[in-house]
């Protein structure tokens, strides 16, 4: 007689990602949602402030800088669109 094949349950685990260690991820996860929300809002404010200062700096330096020439479009190499067999 043939018996049913048993499957293993997948174990869940965390690993570090680029730029963030596993300890940092665990600390962030353990924080209260309110603290995370405040940090998110603070980061958004800083980003908006940086974006607001960029146009001012560009307006001052824009008149002095020479206009840039558009880059020429190069034709794409032919023969790359073959049939894909997955």
N, C-alpha and C. Protein backbone atom coordinates (compact mmCIF):
# COMPACT_ATOMS: atom_id res chain seq x y z
N UNK A 1 0.82 -1.19 0.00
CA UNK A 1 0.00 0.00 0.00
C UNK A 1 0.86 1.26 0.00
N UNK A 2 0.34 2.32 -0.60
CA UNK A 2 1.07 3.58 -0.67
C UNK A 2 0.55 4.53 0.40
N UNK A 3 1.49 5.07 1.20
CA UNK A 3 1.09 5.99 2.27
C UNK A 3 1.21 7.43 1.79
N UNK A 4 0.50 8.32 2.46
CA UNK A 4 0.50 9.74 2.10
C UNK A 4 1.85 10.36 2.47
N UNK A 5 2.36 11.17 1.55
CA UNK A 5 3.65 11.84 1.78
C UNK A 5 3.45 12.96 2.82
N UNK A 6 4.27 12.97 3.84
CA UNK A 6 4.16 14.00 4.87
C UNK A 6 4.98 15.23 4.48
N UNK A 7 4.39 16.39 4.69
CA UNK A 7 5.08 17.64 4.39
C UNK A 7 5.47 18.32 5.69
N UNK A 8 6.59 19.01 5.65
CA UNK A 8 7.04 19.74 6.85
C UNK A 8 6.45 21.14 6.85
N UNK A 9 6.13 21.61 8.05
CA UNK A 9 5.67 22.99 8.19
C UNK A 9 6.88 23.91 8.10
N UNK A 10 6.73 24.96 7.33
CA UNK A 10 7.84 25.91 7.13
C UNK A 10 8.08 26.71 8.40
N UNK A 11 9.33 26.78 8.82
CA UNK A 11 9.69 27.56 10.00
C UNK A 11 9.87 29.03 9.60
N UNK A 12 9.26 29.93 10.36
CA UNK A 12 9.42 31.36 10.07
C UNK A 12 10.64 31.88 10.81
N UNK A 13 11.42 32.71 10.13
CA UNK A 13 12.57 33.32 10.76
C UNK A 13 12.84 34.67 10.11
N UNK A 14 13.55 35.52 10.87
CA UNK A 14 13.88 36.84 10.36
C UNK A 14 15.35 36.91 10.05
N UNK A 15 15.70 37.64 9.00
CA UNK A 15 17.11 37.90 8.77
C UNK A 15 17.31 39.38 8.47
N UNK A 16 18.54 39.81 8.65
CA UNK A 16 18.87 41.22 8.47
C UNK A 16 18.77 41.58 7.00
N UNK A 17 18.43 42.85 6.75
CA UNK A 17 18.40 43.36 5.38
C UNK A 17 19.54 44.35 5.21
N UNK A 18 19.79 44.74 3.98
CA UNK A 18 20.89 45.66 3.71
C UNK A 18 20.63 46.99 4.41
N UNK A 19 21.61 47.45 5.17
CA UNK A 19 21.50 48.73 5.84
C UNK A 19 20.84 48.66 7.20
N UNK A 20 20.40 47.47 7.63
CA UNK A 20 19.74 47.36 8.93
C UNK A 20 20.03 45.98 9.52
N UNK A 21 20.55 45.98 10.74
CA UNK A 21 20.86 44.69 11.38
C UNK A 21 19.59 44.09 11.97
N UNK A 22 19.66 42.83 12.32
CA UNK A 22 18.50 42.15 12.88
C UNK A 22 18.07 42.77 14.20
N UNK A 23 19.05 43.21 15.00
CA UNK A 23 18.73 43.85 16.29
C UNK A 23 17.95 45.14 16.06
N UNK A 24 18.37 45.93 15.05
CA UNK A 24 17.66 47.18 14.73
C UNK A 24 16.22 46.90 14.33
N UNK A 25 16.03 45.86 13.54
CA UNK A 25 14.68 45.51 13.08
C UNK A 25 13.81 45.11 14.28
N UNK A 26 14.39 44.31 15.18
CA UNK A 26 13.63 43.88 16.36
C UNK A 26 13.28 45.06 17.26
N UNK A 27 14.22 46.01 17.41
CA UNK A 27 13.94 47.21 18.23
C UNK A 27 12.79 48.01 17.62
N UNK A 28 12.83 48.18 16.30
CA UNK A 28 11.81 48.95 15.61
C UNK A 28 10.45 48.28 15.75
N UNK A 29 10.44 46.95 15.67
CA UNK A 29 9.20 46.20 15.77
C UNK A 29 8.62 46.28 17.19
N UNK A 30 9.51 46.36 18.19
CA UNK A 30 9.08 46.39 19.59
C UNK A 30 8.56 47.77 20.01
N UNK A 31 8.85 48.80 19.22
CA UNK A 31 8.39 50.15 19.56
C UNK A 31 6.87 50.22 19.52
N UNK A 32 6.32 51.14 20.29
CA UNK A 32 4.87 51.35 20.27
C UNK A 32 4.51 52.05 18.96
N UNK A 33 3.32 51.77 18.43
CA UNK A 33 2.91 52.39 17.16
C UNK A 33 2.91 53.92 17.19
N UNK A 34 2.60 54.50 18.36
CA UNK A 34 2.58 55.97 18.45
C UNK A 34 3.98 56.55 18.20
N UNK A 35 4.98 55.89 18.78
CA UNK A 35 6.35 56.37 18.59
C UNK A 35 6.77 56.27 17.14
N UNK A 36 6.38 55.16 16.50
CA UNK A 36 6.71 54.98 15.08
C UNK A 36 6.03 56.05 14.24
N UNK A 37 4.77 56.36 14.56
CA UNK A 37 4.02 57.38 13.82
C UNK A 37 4.69 58.74 13.97
N UNK A 38 5.13 59.08 15.20
CA UNK A 38 5.80 60.36 15.42
C UNK A 38 7.10 60.44 14.62
N UNK A 39 7.87 59.36 14.62
CA UNK A 39 9.13 59.35 13.88
C UNK A 39 8.87 59.50 12.38
N UNK A 40 7.80 58.87 11.90
CA UNK A 40 7.46 58.94 10.49
C UNK A 40 7.08 60.38 10.10
N UNK A 41 6.28 61.02 10.96
CA UNK A 41 5.87 62.40 10.69
C UNK A 41 7.06 63.34 10.71
N UNK A 42 7.97 63.12 11.66
CA UNK A 42 9.18 63.95 11.76
C UNK A 42 10.03 63.82 10.49
N UNK A 43 10.18 62.60 10.01
CA UNK A 43 10.96 62.36 8.78
C UNK A 43 10.29 63.03 7.59
N UNK A 44 8.96 62.98 7.54
CA UNK A 44 8.23 63.62 6.44
C UNK A 44 8.42 65.13 6.46
N UNK A 45 8.40 65.73 7.66
CA UNK A 45 8.62 67.18 7.77
C UNK A 45 10.01 67.57 7.28
N UNK A 46 11.01 66.77 7.68
CA UNK A 46 12.39 67.06 7.25
C UNK A 46 12.52 66.94 5.74
N UNK A 47 11.89 65.94 5.16
CA UNK A 47 11.95 65.75 3.71
C UNK A 47 11.29 66.92 2.99
N UNK A 48 10.14 67.38 3.53
CA UNK A 48 9.46 68.53 2.92
C UNK A 48 10.32 69.78 2.99
N UNK A 49 11.01 69.97 4.12
CA UNK A 49 11.87 71.13 4.29
C UNK A 49 13.01 71.09 3.27
N UNK A 50 13.57 69.91 3.07
CA UNK A 50 14.65 69.77 2.08
C UNK A 50 14.14 70.06 0.67
N UNK A 51 12.94 69.57 0.36
CA UNK A 51 12.37 69.80 -0.97
C UNK A 51 12.07 71.28 -1.18
N UNK A 52 11.67 71.97 -0.12
CA UNK A 52 11.36 73.38 -0.23
C UNK A 52 12.62 74.21 -0.47
N UNK A 53 13.75 73.75 0.07
CA UNK A 53 14.99 74.50 -0.10
C UNK A 53 15.64 74.24 -1.45
N UNK A 54 15.36 73.10 -2.06
CA UNK A 54 15.96 72.77 -3.36
C UNK A 54 15.59 73.79 -4.45
N UNK A 55 14.30 74.11 -4.63
CA UNK A 55 13.96 75.08 -5.69
C UNK A 55 14.58 76.46 -5.47
N UNK A 56 14.71 76.89 -4.22
CA UNK A 56 15.34 78.19 -3.93
C UNK A 56 16.79 78.18 -4.39
N UNK A 57 17.52 77.11 -4.08
CA UNK A 57 18.92 77.02 -4.47
C UNK A 57 19.06 76.93 -5.99
N UNK A 58 18.13 76.22 -6.63
CA UNK A 58 18.18 76.06 -8.08
C UNK A 58 17.90 77.39 -8.78
N UNK A 59 17.00 78.20 -8.21
CA UNK A 59 16.65 79.48 -8.82
C UNK A 59 17.84 80.44 -8.78
N UNK A 60 18.60 80.43 -7.69
CA UNK A 60 19.76 81.32 -7.59
C UNK A 60 20.87 80.90 -8.55
N UNK A 61 21.18 79.63 -8.58
CA UNK A 61 22.28 79.16 -9.41
C UNK A 61 21.89 78.88 -10.85
N UNK A 62 20.62 78.87 -11.16
CA UNK A 62 20.15 78.52 -12.49
C UNK A 62 20.50 79.55 -13.55
N UNK A 63 20.54 80.83 -13.20
CA UNK A 63 20.81 81.88 -14.17
C UNK A 63 22.27 81.87 -14.61
N UNK A 64 23.17 81.49 -13.71
CA UNK A 64 24.60 81.50 -14.02
C UNK A 64 25.03 80.29 -14.85
N UNK A 65 24.38 79.15 -14.59
CA UNK A 65 24.79 77.91 -15.26
C UNK A 65 24.40 77.93 -16.73
N UNK A 66 25.28 77.38 -17.56
CA UNK A 66 25.01 77.31 -18.99
C UNK A 66 23.95 76.25 -19.25
N UNK A 67 23.08 76.45 -20.25
CA UNK A 67 22.04 75.45 -20.54
C UNK A 67 22.68 74.13 -21.02
N UNK A 68 22.16 73.05 -20.52
CA UNK A 68 22.72 71.75 -20.88
C UNK A 68 22.16 71.29 -22.22
N UNK A 69 22.99 70.61 -23.00
CA UNK A 69 22.53 70.08 -24.28
C UNK A 69 21.86 68.74 -24.05
N UNK A 70 20.84 68.47 -24.86
CA UNK A 70 20.15 67.19 -24.73
C UNK A 70 21.04 66.06 -25.24
N UNK A 71 21.00 64.95 -24.53
CA UNK A 71 21.80 63.79 -24.95
C UNK A 71 21.17 63.17 -26.18
N UNK A 72 22.01 62.72 -27.11
CA UNK A 72 21.51 62.10 -28.33
C UNK A 72 20.97 60.71 -28.01
N UNK A 73 19.84 60.37 -28.64
CA UNK A 73 19.28 59.04 -28.44
C UNK A 73 20.01 58.06 -29.33
N UNK A 74 20.48 56.99 -28.72
CA UNK A 74 21.16 55.95 -29.47
C UNK A 74 20.19 54.83 -29.79
N UNK A 75 20.27 54.26 -31.01
CA UNK A 75 19.35 53.17 -31.34
C UNK A 75 19.70 51.93 -30.51
N UNK A 76 18.65 51.22 -30.11
CA UNK A 76 18.87 50.01 -29.32
C UNK A 76 19.43 48.90 -30.21
N UNK A 77 20.20 48.01 -29.60
CA UNK A 77 20.76 46.89 -30.35
C UNK A 77 19.64 45.95 -30.77
N UNK A 78 19.68 45.49 -32.01
CA UNK A 78 18.64 44.61 -32.53
C UNK A 78 18.91 43.16 -32.11
N UNK A 79 17.86 42.35 -32.19
CA UNK A 79 18.03 40.92 -31.93
C UNK A 79 17.85 40.54 -30.48
N UNK A 80 17.30 41.41 -29.65
CA UNK A 80 17.14 41.08 -28.23
C UNK A 80 15.76 40.57 -27.89
N UNK A 81 14.81 40.62 -28.80
CA UNK A 81 13.43 40.25 -28.47
C UNK A 81 13.07 38.85 -28.87
N UNK A 82 13.84 37.88 -28.48
CA UNK A 82 13.55 36.49 -28.84
C UNK A 82 12.44 35.90 -27.97
N UNK A 83 12.02 34.70 -28.31
CA UNK A 83 10.97 34.02 -27.55
C UNK A 83 11.54 33.50 -26.24
N UNK A 84 10.80 33.75 -25.16
CA UNK A 84 11.26 33.29 -23.85
C UNK A 84 10.52 32.03 -23.47
N UNK A 85 11.25 31.01 -23.10
CA UNK A 85 10.65 29.74 -22.72
C UNK A 85 10.94 29.48 -21.25
N UNK A 86 9.91 29.65 -20.43
CA UNK A 86 10.13 29.50 -18.98
C UNK A 86 9.95 28.08 -18.53
